[in-house]
């Protein structure tokens, strides 16, 4: 998440504090205040009868509100897991920093984290990931006819670049030598582009393509470049939750084998995956 006022993120200590405050603000959240239960396959859940998912909304088309309900590609994938366990999915909207750090999972806020989250070695230190379920890339988005076709153009023209905080897109452009303005979530990042706070933004390709399908956005903005970063999304869990990881991996494998995965993919992206 390739997860949108602009503000710089100022250090690990501040990020950890923000994550803790976010969890506290959402209420409940500790293993002492939840009613644990065991689902099919001996999987322990933080709340009986529910597979509780932490995510960061909106991140269309992976998870977003539609007619009072959270829907999206990730939601449909996790619903398959919930069905396997004989429970229903319950979604908790939380700050992405608390998700990728493992803080939300360790606090008993949720069983899984499904938030368009790229598997990285750094995140593996705090999370147990499922097998990959989505191949991802990044993209640059800017005003039409800007002449921008690469990050080198952004550098050469001295343009203001925006990125979503705590994401692999942010990490990627920083490694390329750029110093982007950070936005708390994807909607704020898009608004930053629309209001001229930044000249170009970096975001996950499917998110950019979904934005550009909206007439009011597509009329003024375009994808300037696709950045092949070789990323893959995974569903995150507590490091010790191997029983749940086993179930999720079995569900993903079965869905890819019987065509369910391809059907869900086509539903949200309009085409079947190149490989599944």
Protein backbone atom coordinates (compact mmCIF):
# COMPACT_ATOMS: atom_id res chain seq x y z
CA UNK A 1 0.00 0.00 0.00
CA UNK A 2 0.75 0.69 -1.69
CA UNK A 3 -1.96 3.53 1.78
CA UNK A 4 -3.94 9.63 1.40
CA UNK A 5 -3.43 18.71 5.46
CA UNK A 6 0.00 17.47 4.54
CA UNK A 7 2.52 16.73 7.34
CA UNK A 8 5.93 15.10 7.51
CA UNK A 9 6.27 11.91 9.50
CA UNK A 10 8.91 12.61 12.08
CA UNK A 11 10.52 9.47 13.38
CA UNK A 12 9.82 6.03 14.72
CA UNK A 13 8.89 7.27 18.20
CA UNK A 14 6.14 9.52 16.89
CA UNK A 15 4.82 6.81 14.60
CA UNK A 16 4.67 4.31 17.45
CA UNK A 17 2.82 6.83 19.64
CA UNK A 18 0.37 7.58 16.83
CA UNK A 19 -0.30 3.88 16.34
CA UNK A 20 -0.95 3.41 20.04
CA UNK A 21 -3.29 6.38 20.18
CA UNK A 22 -5.15 5.15 17.12
CA UNK A 23 -5.82 1.77 18.71
CA UNK A 24 -6.89 3.39 21.95
CA UNK A 25 -9.24 5.78 20.15
CA UNK A 26 -10.98 2.90 18.40
CA UNK A 27 -12.03 1.44 21.73
CA UNK A 28 -11.79 -2.12 23.08
CA UNK A 29 -8.76 -3.51 21.36
CA UNK A 30 -6.98 -5.61 23.97
CA UNK A 31 -7.11 -9.32 24.48
CA UNK A 32 -8.52 -8.65 27.94
CA UNK A 33 -11.66 -6.99 26.55
CA UNK A 34 -12.50 -9.38 23.73
CA UNK A 35 -14.37 -12.65 23.82
CA UNK A 36 -12.08 -15.19 22.21
CA UNK A 37 -13.41 -18.32 20.56
CA UNK A 38 -12.24 -21.21 18.46
CA UNK A 39 -13.50 -21.59 14.89
CA UNK A 40 -13.26 -24.48 12.43
CA UNK A 41 -9.79 -25.96 12.13
CA UNK A 42 -8.85 -24.97 15.66
CA UNK A 43 -8.34 -21.33 14.70
CA UNK A 44 -8.54 -18.95 17.66
CA UNK A 45 -10.46 -15.71 17.01
CA UNK A 46 -10.50 -12.49 19.04
CA UNK A 47 -14.30 -12.33 18.88
CA UNK A 48 -16.60 -15.33 18.84
CA UNK A 49 -18.43 -15.94 15.57
CA UNK A 50 -16.41 -13.32 13.68
CA UNK A 51 -13.24 -13.07 11.65
CA UNK A 52 -12.20 -9.52 12.54
CA UNK A 53 -10.27 -7.68 9.83
CA UNK A 54 -8.22 -4.52 10.33
CA UNK A 55 -8.03 -2.33 7.24
CA UNK A 56 -7.62 1.30 6.21
CA UNK A 57 -10.63 2.84 4.43
CA UNK A 58 -11.00 4.03 1.77
CA UNK A 59 -8.54 2.27 -0.51
CA UNK A 60 -10.65 1.64 -3.59
CA UNK A 61 -10.96 -0.93 -5.14
CA UNK A 62 -9.51 -3.03 -2.30
CA UNK A 63 -11.74 -1.74 0.49
CA UNK A 64 -14.14 1.22 0.54
CA UNK A 65 -17.61 2.25 1.65
CA UNK A 66 -20.46 1.73 -0.79
CA UNK A 67 -24.09 2.28 0.19
CA UNK A 68 -23.26 2.00 3.88
CA UNK A 69 -21.25 -1.22 3.51
CA UNK A 70 -17.52 -1.88 3.21
CA UNK A 71 -16.83 -3.68 -0.08
CA UNK A 72 -13.86 -4.41 -2.31
CA UNK A 73 -11.41 -6.98 -3.58
CA UNK A 74 -9.79 -7.60 -0.19
CA UNK A 75 -13.20 -7.85 1.45
CA UNK A 76 -14.30 -10.58 -0.96
CA UNK A 77 -11.06 -12.51 -0.47
CA UNK A 78 -11.34 -12.45 3.33
CA UNK A 79 -15.03 -13.41 3.08
CA UNK A 80 -13.84 -16.70 1.55
CA UNK A 81 -11.73 -17.32 4.65
CA UNK A 82 -14.60 -16.43 6.98
CA UNK A 83 -16.85 -18.88 5.15
CA UNK A 84 -14.24 -21.62 5.54
CA UNK A 85 -14.12 -20.93 9.27
CA UNK A 86 -17.92 -20.90 9.58
CA UNK A 87 -18.06 -17.28 10.74
CA UNK A 88 -18.76 -13.83 9.28
CA UNK A 89 -16.26 -11.06 8.58
CA UNK A 90 -16.25 -7.95 10.78
CA UNK A 91 -14.21 -4.98 9.53
CA UNK A 92 -12.36 -2.45 11.68
CA UNK A 93 -11.09 0.77 10.08
CA UNK A 94 -7.74 1.74 11.57
CA UNK A 95 -4.62 3.75 10.78
CA UNK A 96 -2.30 1.94 8.37
CA UNK A 97 0.75 2.53 10.57
CA UNK A 98 -0.91 0.46 13.32
CA UNK A 99 -1.62 -2.28 10.79
CA UNK A 100 1.82 -2.66 9.20
CA UNK A 101 3.59 -2.45 12.57
CA UNK A 102 1.58 -5.35 13.99
CA UNK A 103 0.34 -3.15 16.85
CA UNK A 104 -3.35 -3.64 16.04
CA UNK A 105 -3.00 -7.42 15.80
CA UNK A 106 -0.89 -7.70 18.94
CA UNK A 107 -3.42 -5.60 20.86
CA UNK A 108 -6.19 -8.06 19.98
CA UNK A 109 -7.97 -5.56 17.78
CA UNK A 110 -8.31 -8.01 14.90
CA UNK A 111 -7.43 -11.47 13.60
CA UNK A 112 -6.17 -10.43 10.18
CA UNK A 113 -4.98 -7.32 8.39
CA UNK A 114 -6.12 -6.97 4.78
CA UNK A 115 -5.33 -3.51 3.49
CA UNK A 116 -3.67 -3.79 0.10
CA UNK A 117 -0.52 -4.48 2.10
CA UNK A 118 2.74 -5.34 0.38
CA UNK A 119 4.82 -8.16 1.84
CA UNK A 120 8.25 -6.80 2.80
CA UNK A 121 11.12 -8.13 4.88
CA UNK A 122 10.70 -5.24 7.30
CA UNK A 123 7.01 -5.98 7.84
CA UNK A 124 7.74 -9.70 8.25
CA UNK A 125 9.54 -8.79 11.47
CA UNK A 126 6.19 -7.80 12.98
CA UNK A 127 3.63 -9.83 11.00
CA UNK A 128 3.02 -13.34 9.77
CA UNK A 129 1.93 -13.08 6.12
CA UNK A 130 -0.22 -15.37 4.06
CA UNK A 131 0.92 -16.52 0.65
CA UNK A 132 0.76 -13.63 -1.87
CA UNK A 133 -2.72 -12.98 -3.25
CA UNK A 134 -2.13 -9.96 -5.54
CA UNK A 135 0.71 -8.74 -7.77
CA UNK A 136 1.09 -4.98 -7.44
CA UNK A 137 2.96 -2.07 -9.02
CA UNK A 138 3.13 1.66 -8.37
CA UNK A 139 2.13 4.53 -10.64
CA UNK A 140 2.66 8.28 -10.98
CA UNK A 141 -0.43 10.45 -11.38
CA UNK A 142 -0.43 14.11 -12.42
CA UNK A 143 -2.31 16.75 -14.41
CA UNK A 144 -2.94 16.02 -18.06
CA UNK A 145 -0.33 17.19 -20.57
CA UNK A 146 2.27 17.68 -17.86
CA UNK A 147 5.01 16.05 -19.92
CA UNK A 148 6.00 13.84 -16.97
CA UNK A 149 6.87 10.25 -17.87
CA UNK A 150 9.22 9.18 -15.06
CA UNK A 151 10.59 9.94 -11.61
CA UNK A 152 13.61 11.46 -13.37
CA UNK A 153 11.26 14.04 -14.89
CA UNK A 154 9.93 14.86 -11.42
CA UNK A 155 13.50 15.43 -10.24
CA UNK A 156 14.59 17.41 -13.30
CA UNK A 157 11.60 19.74 -13.17
CA UNK A 158 11.84 20.22 -9.40
CA UNK A 159 8.21 19.20 -8.96
CA UNK A 160 6.47 18.62 -5.64
CA UNK A 161 5.82 14.90 -5.16
CA UNK A 162 3.21 13.46 -2.82
CA UNK A 163 3.04 9.98 -1.29
CA UNK A 164 0.93 8.15 1.26
CA UNK A 165 2.60 7.74 4.65
CA UNK A 166 3.82 4.31 5.78
CA UNK A 167 3.59 2.80 2.28
CA UNK A 168 5.97 1.05 -0.08
CA UNK A 169 5.30 3.78 -2.64
CA UNK A 170 6.78 6.28 -0.19
CA UNK A 171 9.78 4.01 0.41
CA UNK A 172 10.31 3.55 -3.32
CA UNK A 173 10.49 7.25 -4.19
CA UNK A 174 12.69 7.98 -1.19
CA UNK A 175 15.16 5.33 -2.35
CA UNK A 176 15.10 7.04 -5.75
CA UNK A 177 16.41 10.19 -4.06
CA UNK A 178 13.17 12.17 -3.78
CA UNK A 179 11.79 13.87 -0.66
CA UNK A 180 8.00 13.63 -0.96
CA UNK A 181 5.31 15.36 1.03
CA UNK A 182 3.51 12.68 3.06
CA UNK A 183 -0.25 12.38 3.36
CA UNK A 184 -2.03 10.42 6.08
CA UNK A 185 -4.22 8.43 3.69
CA UNK A 186 -5.05 8.02 0.01
CA UNK A 187 -8.01 10.48 -0.14
CA UNK A 188 -5.83 13.21 1.38
CA UNK A 189 -3.10 12.39 -1.12
CA UNK A 190 -5.53 12.72 -4.03
CA UNK A 191 -6.89 15.96 -2.60
CA UNK A 192 -3.33 17.27 -2.35
CA UNK A 193 -2.94 16.73 -6.09
CA UNK A 194 -6.33 18.23 -6.91
CA UNK A 195 -5.69 21.37 -4.86
CA UNK A 196 -2.14 21.93 -6.11
CA UNK A 197 -0.34 21.10 -2.86
CA UNK A 198 1.72 18.69 -4.97
CA UNK A 199 2.32 18.36 -8.71
CA UNK A 200 2.44 14.57 -8.90
CA UNK A 201 1.66 11.64 -6.60
CA UNK A 202 2.80 8.03 -6.33
CA UNK A 203 0.21 5.39 -5.48
CA UNK A 204 -0.62 1.75 -6.19
CA UNK A 205 -1.53 1.30 -9.85
CA UNK A 206 -5.03 -0.22 -9.28
CA UNK A 207 -5.95 2.69 -7.02
CA UNK A 208 -4.80 5.25 -9.60
CA UNK A 209 -6.74 3.48 -12.37
CA UNK A 210 -9.86 3.41 -10.19
CA UNK A 211 -9.57 7.15 -9.52
CA UNK A 212 -9.16 7.91 -13.20
CA UNK A 213 -12.40 6.07 -14.02
CA UNK A 214 -14.28 8.83 -12.19
CA UNK A 215 -15.23 11.45 -14.84
CA UNK A 216 -14.39 14.46 -12.70
CA UNK A 217 -10.89 13.11 -12.07
CA UNK A 218 -10.19 11.54 -15.46
CA UNK A 219 -11.03 14.83 -17.17
CA UNK A 220 -8.14 16.64 -15.47
CA UNK A 221 -5.58 14.03 -14.49
CA UNK A 222 -3.73 11.07 -15.99
CA UNK A 223 -1.31 8.28 -15.16
CA UNK A 224 2.12 9.59 -16.06
CA UNK A 225 4.09 6.37 -15.57
CA UNK A 226 3.86 2.82 -14.27
CA UNK A 227 6.62 1.82 -11.84
CA UNK A 228 7.28 -1.92 -11.87
CA UNK A 229 8.25 -2.47 -8.24
CA UNK A 230 7.64 -6.23 -8.16
CA UNK A 231 5.38 -6.07 -5.10
CA UNK A 232 2.92 -8.67 -3.83
CA UNK A 233 0.13 -8.22 -1.30
CA UNK A 234 -0.38 -10.56 1.64
CA UNK A 235 -2.87 -10.94 4.48
CA UNK A 236 -1.20 -10.20 7.82
CA UNK A 237 -1.63 -12.00 11.13
CA UNK A 238 0.07 -12.20 14.53
CA UNK A 239 3.41 -13.94 14.26
CA UNK A 240 2.10 -16.86 16.36
CA UNK A 241 -1.16 -17.43 14.45
CA UNK A 242 0.06 -20.30 12.28
CA UNK A 243 -3.29 -22.15 12.36
CA UNK A 244 -5.05 -19.18 10.75
CA UNK A 245 -2.24 -18.74 8.22
CA UNK A 246 -2.61 -22.39 7.21
CA UNK A 247 -6.35 -21.94 6.66
CA UNK A 248 -5.91 -18.74 4.66
CA UNK A 249 -3.31 -20.32 2.41
CA UNK A 250 -5.59 -23.32 1.80
CA UNK A 251 -8.46 -20.98 0.89
CA UNK A 252 -6.31 -18.94 -1.50
CA UNK A 253 -5.00 -22.07 -3.22
CA UNK A 254 -8.50 -23.52 -3.61
CA UNK A 255 -9.92 -20.23 -4.93
CA UNK A 256 -7.20 -19.99 -7.56
CA UNK A 257 -7.70 -23.60 -8.58
CA UNK A 258 -11.50 -23.54 -8.93
CA UNK A 259 -11.78 -20.12 -10.63
CA UNK A 260 -13.25 -18.22 -7.67
CA UNK A 261 -10.20 -15.99 -7.41
CA UNK A 262 -10.35 -15.08 -11.11
CA UNK A 263 -14.05 -14.22 -10.81
CA UNK A 264 -13.41 -11.90 -7.84
CA UNK A 265 -10.46 -10.31 -9.65
CA UNK A 266 -12.55 -9.64 -12.77
CA UNK A 267 -15.37 -8.21 -10.65
CA UNK A 268 -13.11 -5.48 -9.26
CA UNK A 269 -10.55 -4.92 -12.02
CA UNK A 270 -12.55 -5.66 -15.16
CA UNK A 271 -10.16 -8.34 -16.40
CA UNK A 272 -8.74 -11.63 -15.24
CA UNK A 273 -5.25 -11.67 -13.75
CA UNK A 274 -2.29 -12.37 -16.01
CA UNK A 275 -1.32 -15.11 -13.61
CA UNK A 276 -2.95 -16.46 -10.51
